[in-house]
């Protein structure tokens, strides 16, 4: 059972690699709980990241 959990976690991590926050939310149906100011700051940080 532990091996299956590790495989599931690694598969999920591999899927997330290189995704933007926006894409992660869409893929995993995540809710945006950031305030507008926080969202703007997150977007600016992503622009500078090499994803």
PDB file of N, CA and C in Angstrom:
ATOM      1  N   UNK A   1       0.822  -1.186   0.000  1.00  0.00           N
ATOM      2  CA  UNK A   1       0.000   0.000   0.000  1.00  0.00           C
ATOM      3  C   UNK A   1       0.873   1.259   0.000  1.00  0.00           C
ATOM      4  N   UNK A   2       1.980   1.237   0.714  1.00  0.00           N
ATOM      5  CA  UNK A   2       2.869   2.393   0.778  1.00  0.00           C
ATOM      6  C   UNK A   2       3.432   2.727  -0.598  1.00  0.00           C
ATOM      7  N   UNK A   3       3.771   1.708  -1.377  1.00  0.00           N
ATOM      8  CA  UNK A   3       4.293   1.924  -2.723  1.00  0.00           C
ATOM      9  C   UNK A   3       3.276   2.594  -3.628  1.00  0.00           C
ATOM     10  N   UNK A   4       2.015   2.224  -3.462  1.00  0.00           N
ATOM     11  CA  UNK A   4       0.955   2.832  -4.260  1.00  0.00           C
ATOM     12  C   UNK A   4       0.797   4.309  -3.908  1.00  0.00           C
ATOM     13  N   UNK A   5       0.877   4.625  -2.627  1.00  0.00           N
ATOM     14  CA  UNK A   5       0.795   6.021  -2.184  1.00  0.00           C
ATOM     15  C   UNK A   5       1.957   6.830  -2.755  1.00  0.00           C
ATOM     16  N   UNK A   6       3.163   6.276  -2.692  1.00  0.00           N
ATOM     17  CA  UNK A   6       4.333   6.968  -3.249  1.00  0.00           C
ATOM     18  C   UNK A   6       4.173   7.207  -4.746  1.00  0.00           C
ATOM     19  N   UNK A   7       3.661   6.216  -5.461  1.00  0.00           N
ATOM     20  CA  UNK A   7       3.449   6.350  -6.899  1.00  0.00           C
ATOM     21  C   UNK A   7       2.422   7.441  -7.198  1.00  0.00           C
ATOM     22  N   UNK A   8       1.343   7.458  -6.438  1.00  0.00           N
ATOM     23  CA  UNK A   8       0.306   8.477  -6.639  1.00  0.00           C
ATOM     24  C   UNK A   8       0.856   9.872  -6.362  1.00  0.00           C
ATOM     25  N   UNK A   9       1.624  10.012  -5.291  1.00  0.00           N
ATOM     26  CA  UNK A   9       2.212  11.315  -4.956  1.00  0.00           C
ATOM     27  C   UNK A   9       3.200  11.769  -6.018  1.00  0.00           C
ATOM     28  N   UNK A  10       4.036  10.867  -6.497  1.00  0.00           N
ATOM     29  CA  UNK A  10       5.019  11.225  -7.517  1.00  0.00           C
ATOM     30  C   UNK A  10       4.342  11.587  -8.827  1.00  0.00           C
ATOM     31  N   UNK A  11       3.292  10.855  -9.185  1.00  0.00           N
ATOM     32  CA  UNK A  11       2.554  11.155 -10.416  1.00  0.00           C
ATOM     33  C   UNK A  11       1.927  12.537 -10.338  1.00  0.00           C
ATOM     34  N   UNK A  12       1.343  12.858  -9.196  1.00  0.00           N
ATOM     35  CA  UNK A  12       0.744  14.172  -9.001  1.00  0.00           C
ATOM     36  C   UNK A  12       1.809  15.266  -9.063  1.00  0.00           C
ATOM     37  N   UNK A  13       2.926  15.049  -8.411  1.00  0.00           N
ATOM     38  CA  UNK A  13       4.022  16.026  -8.437  1.00  0.00           C
ATOM     39  C   UNK A  13       4.537  16.229  -9.858  1.00  0.00           C
ATOM     40  N   UNK A  14       4.657  15.156 -10.613  1.00  0.00           N
ATOM     41  CA  UNK A  14       5.109  15.262 -12.004  1.00  0.00           C
ATOM     42  C   UNK A  14       4.121  16.060 -12.848  1.00  0.00           C
ATOM     43  N   UNK A  15       2.824  15.869 -12.587  1.00  0.00           N
ATOM     44  CA  UNK A  15       1.797  16.608 -13.318  1.00  0.00           C
ATOM     45  C   UNK A  15       1.878  18.097 -13.018  1.00  0.00           C
ATOM     46  N   UNK A  16       2.235  18.452 -11.797  1.00  0.00           N
ATOM     47  CA  UNK A  16       2.257  19.841 -11.361  1.00  0.00           C
ATOM     48  C   UNK A  16       3.499  20.597 -11.820  1.00  0.00           C
ATOM     49  N   UNK A  17       4.547  19.891 -12.133  1.00  0.00           N
ATOM     50  CA  UNK A  17       5.814  20.515 -12.494  1.00  0.00           C
ATOM     51  C   UNK A  17       5.641  21.433 -13.705  1.00  0.00           C
ATOM     52  N   UNK A  18       6.030  22.675 -13.525  1.00  0.00           N
ATOM     53  CA  UNK A  18       5.995  23.641 -14.613  1.00  0.00           C
ATOM     54  C   UNK A  18       4.662  24.336 -14.820  1.00  0.00           C
ATOM     55  N   UNK A  19       3.658  24.001 -14.028  1.00  0.00           N
ATOM     56  CA  UNK A  19       2.345  24.627 -14.184  1.00  0.00           C
ATOM     57  C   UNK A  19       2.287  25.969 -13.459  1.00  0.00           C
ATOM     58  N   UNK A  20       1.530  26.885 -14.034  1.00  0.00           N
ATOM     59  CA  UNK A  20       1.269  28.143 -13.355  1.00  0.00           C
ATOM     60  C   UNK A  20       0.184  27.907 -12.307  1.00  0.00           C
ATOM     61  N   UNK A  21       0.014  28.873 -11.427  1.00  0.00           N
ATOM     62  CA  UNK A  21      -1.027  28.770 -10.401  1.00  0.00           C
ATOM     63  C   UNK A  21      -2.392  28.646 -11.069  1.00  0.00           C
ATOM     64  N   UNK A  22      -2.601  29.428 -12.100  1.00  0.00           N
ATOM     65  CA  UNK A  22      -3.881  29.403 -12.822  1.00  0.00           C
ATOM     66  C   UNK A  22      -4.157  28.014 -13.402  1.00  0.00           C
ATOM     67  N   UNK A  23      -3.150  27.417 -14.017  1.00  0.00           N
ATOM     68  CA  UNK A  23      -3.291  26.086 -14.614  1.00  0.00           C
ATOM     69  C   UNK A  23      -3.501  25.019 -13.524  1.00  0.00           C
ATOM     70  N   UNK A  24      -2.789  25.156 -12.401  1.00  0.00           N
ATOM     71  CA  UNK A  24      -2.976  24.218 -11.289  1.00  0.00           C
ATOM     72  C   UNK A  24      -4.408  24.254 -10.778  1.00  0.00           C
ATOM     73  N   UNK A  25      -4.933  25.467 -10.599  1.00  0.00           N
ATOM     74  CA  UNK A  25      -6.315  25.595 -10.126  1.00  0.00           C
ATOM     75  C   UNK A  25      -7.292  24.947 -11.092  1.00  0.00           C
ATOM     76  N   UNK A  26      -7.080  25.155 -12.385  1.00  0.00           N
ATOM     77  CA  UNK A  26      -7.984  24.587 -13.382  1.00  0.00           C
ATOM     78  C   UNK A  26      -7.881  23.057 -13.401  1.00  0.00           C
ATOM     79  N   UNK A  27      -6.672  22.543 -13.391  1.00  0.00           N
ATOM     80  CA  UNK A  27      -6.455  21.100 -13.456  1.00  0.00           C
ATOM     81  C   UNK A  27      -7.008  20.368 -12.235  1.00  0.00           C
ATOM     82  N   UNK A  28      -6.754  20.939 -11.054  1.00  0.00           N
ATOM     83  CA  UNK A  28      -7.148  20.267  -9.821  1.00  0.00           C
ATOM     84  C   UNK A  28      -8.415  20.858  -9.200  1.00  0.00           C
ATOM     85  N   UNK A  29      -9.094  21.701  -9.978  1.00  0.00           N
ATOM     86  CA  UNK A  29     -10.356  22.317  -9.542  1.00  0.00           C
ATOM     87  C   UNK A  29     -10.211  23.012  -8.192  1.00  0.00           C
ATOM     88  N   UNK A  30      -9.122  23.780  -8.072  1.00  0.00           N
ATOM     89  CA  UNK A  30      -8.851  24.508  -6.844  1.00  0.00           C
ATOM     90  C   UNK A  30      -9.529  25.862  -6.836  1.00  0.00           C
ATOM     91  N   UNK A  31      -9.918  26.281  -5.668  1.00  0.00           N
ATOM     92  CA  UNK A  31     -10.583  27.561  -5.496  1.00  0.00           C
ATOM     93  C   UNK A  31      -9.552  28.659  -5.250  1.00  0.00           C
ATOM     94  N   UNK A  32      -9.789  29.816  -5.823  1.00  0.00           N
ATOM     95  CA  UNK A  32      -8.908  30.958  -5.604  1.00  0.00           C
ATOM     96  C   UNK A  32      -9.338  31.648  -4.311  1.00  0.00           C
ATOM     97  N   UNK A  33      -8.529  31.531  -3.277  1.00  0.00           N
ATOM     98  CA  UNK A  33      -8.867  32.152  -2.000  1.00  0.00           C
ATOM     99  C   UNK A  33      -7.955  33.343  -1.681  1.00  0.00           C
ATOM    100  N   UNK A  34      -7.262  33.855  -2.694  1.00  0.00           N
ATOM    101  CA  UNK A  34      -6.412  35.029  -2.526  1.00  0.00           C
ATOM    102  C   UNK A  34      -7.232  36.305  -2.673  1.00  0.00           C
ATOM    103  N   UNK A  35      -6.853  37.335  -1.940  1.00  0.00           N
ATOM    104  CA  UNK A  35      -7.404  38.671  -2.157  1.00  0.00           C
ATOM    105  C   UNK A  35      -6.817  39.202  -3.463  1.00  0.00           C
ATOM    106  N   UNK A  36      -7.436  40.209  -4.038  1.00  0.00           N
ATOM    107  CA  UNK A  36      -6.981  40.756  -5.322  1.00  0.00           C
ATOM    108  C   UNK A  36      -5.516  41.177  -5.273  1.00  0.00           C
ATOM    109  N   UNK A  37      -5.100  41.800  -4.157  1.00  0.00           N
ATOM    110  CA  UNK A  37      -3.706  42.244  -4.029  1.00  0.00           C
ATOM    111  C   UNK A  37      -2.751  41.050  -4.005  1.00  0.00           C
ATOM    112  N   UNK A  38      -3.160  40.002  -3.312  1.00  0.00           N
ATOM    113  CA  UNK A  38      -2.321  38.798  -3.244  1.00  0.00           C
ATOM    114  C   UNK A  38      -2.242  38.125  -4.612  1.00  0.00           C
ATOM    115  N   UNK A  39      -3.335  38.105  -5.329  1.00  0.00           N
ATOM    116  CA  UNK A  39      -3.366  37.501  -6.659  1.00  0.00           C
ATOM    117  C   UNK A  39      -2.441  38.253  -7.608  1.00  0.00           C
ATOM    118  N   UNK A  40      -2.479  39.577  -7.542  1.00  0.00           N
ATOM    119  CA  UNK A  40      -1.599  40.391  -8.379  1.00  0.00           C
ATOM    120  C   UNK A  40      -0.134  40.108  -8.063  1.00  0.00           C
ATOM    121  N   UNK A  41       0.209  40.005  -6.798  1.00  0.00           N
ATOM    122  CA  UNK A  41       1.586  39.741  -6.387  1.00  0.00           C
ATOM    123  C   UNK A  41       2.033  38.364  -6.870  1.00  0.00           C
ATOM    124  N   UNK A  42       1.149  37.379  -6.794  1.00  0.00           N
ATOM    125  CA  UNK A  42       1.467  36.023  -7.251  1.00  0.00           C
ATOM    126  C   UNK A  42       1.731  36.023  -8.742  1.00  0.00           C
ATOM    127  N   UNK A  43       0.911  36.722  -9.498  1.00  0.00           N
ATOM    128  CA  UNK A  43       1.083  36.794 -10.944  1.00  0.00           C
ATOM    129  C   UNK A  43       2.392  37.438 -11.327  1.00  0.00           C
ATOM    130  N   UNK A  44       2.774  38.480 -10.607  1.00  0.00           N
ATOM    131  CA  UNK A  44       4.054  39.146 -10.891  1.00  0.00           C
ATOM    132  C   UNK A  44       5.223  38.230 -10.603  1.00  0.00           C
ATOM    133  N   UNK A  45       5.137  37.462  -9.527  1.00  0.00           N
ATOM    134  CA  UNK A  45       6.232  36.538  -9.188  1.00  0.00           C
ATOM    135  C   UNK A  45       6.371  35.465 -10.251  1.00  0.00           C
ATOM    136  N   UNK A  46       5.243  34.955 -10.772  1.00  0.00           N
ATOM    137  CA  UNK A  46       5.301  33.915 -11.789  1.00  0.00           C
ATOM    138  C   UNK A  46       5.942  34.413 -13.078  1.00  0.00           C
ATOM    139  N   UNK A  47       5.730  35.686 -13.401  1.00  0.00           N
ATOM    140  CA  UNK A  47       6.321  36.237 -14.620  1.00  0.00           C
ATOM    141  C   UNK A  47       7.842  36.171 -14.578  1.00  0.00           C
ATOM    142  N   UNK A  48       8.409  36.228 -13.397  1.00  0.00           N
ATOM    143  CA  UNK A  48       9.854  36.234 -13.249  1.00  0.00           C
ATOM    144  C   UNK A  48      10.441  34.838 -13.070  1.00  0.00           C
ATOM    145  N   UNK A  49       9.579  33.853 -12.904  1.00  0.00           N
ATOM    146  CA  UNK A  49      10.057  32.491 -12.689  1.00  0.00           C
ATOM    147  C   UNK A  49      10.296  31.819 -14.041  1.00  0.00           C
ATOM    148  N   UNK A  50      11.237  30.960 -14.084  1.00  0.00           N
ATOM    149  CA  UNK A  50      11.534  30.209 -15.305  1.00  0.00           C
ATOM    150  C   UNK A  50      10.781  28.878 -15.238  1.00  0.00           C
ATOM    151  N   UNK A  51       9.515  28.885 -15.685  1.00  0.00           N
ATOM    152  CA  UNK A  51       8.694  27.675 -15.597  1.00  0.00           C
ATOM    153  C   UNK A  51       8.648  26.960 -16.899  1.00  0.00           C
TER     154      UNK A  51
END
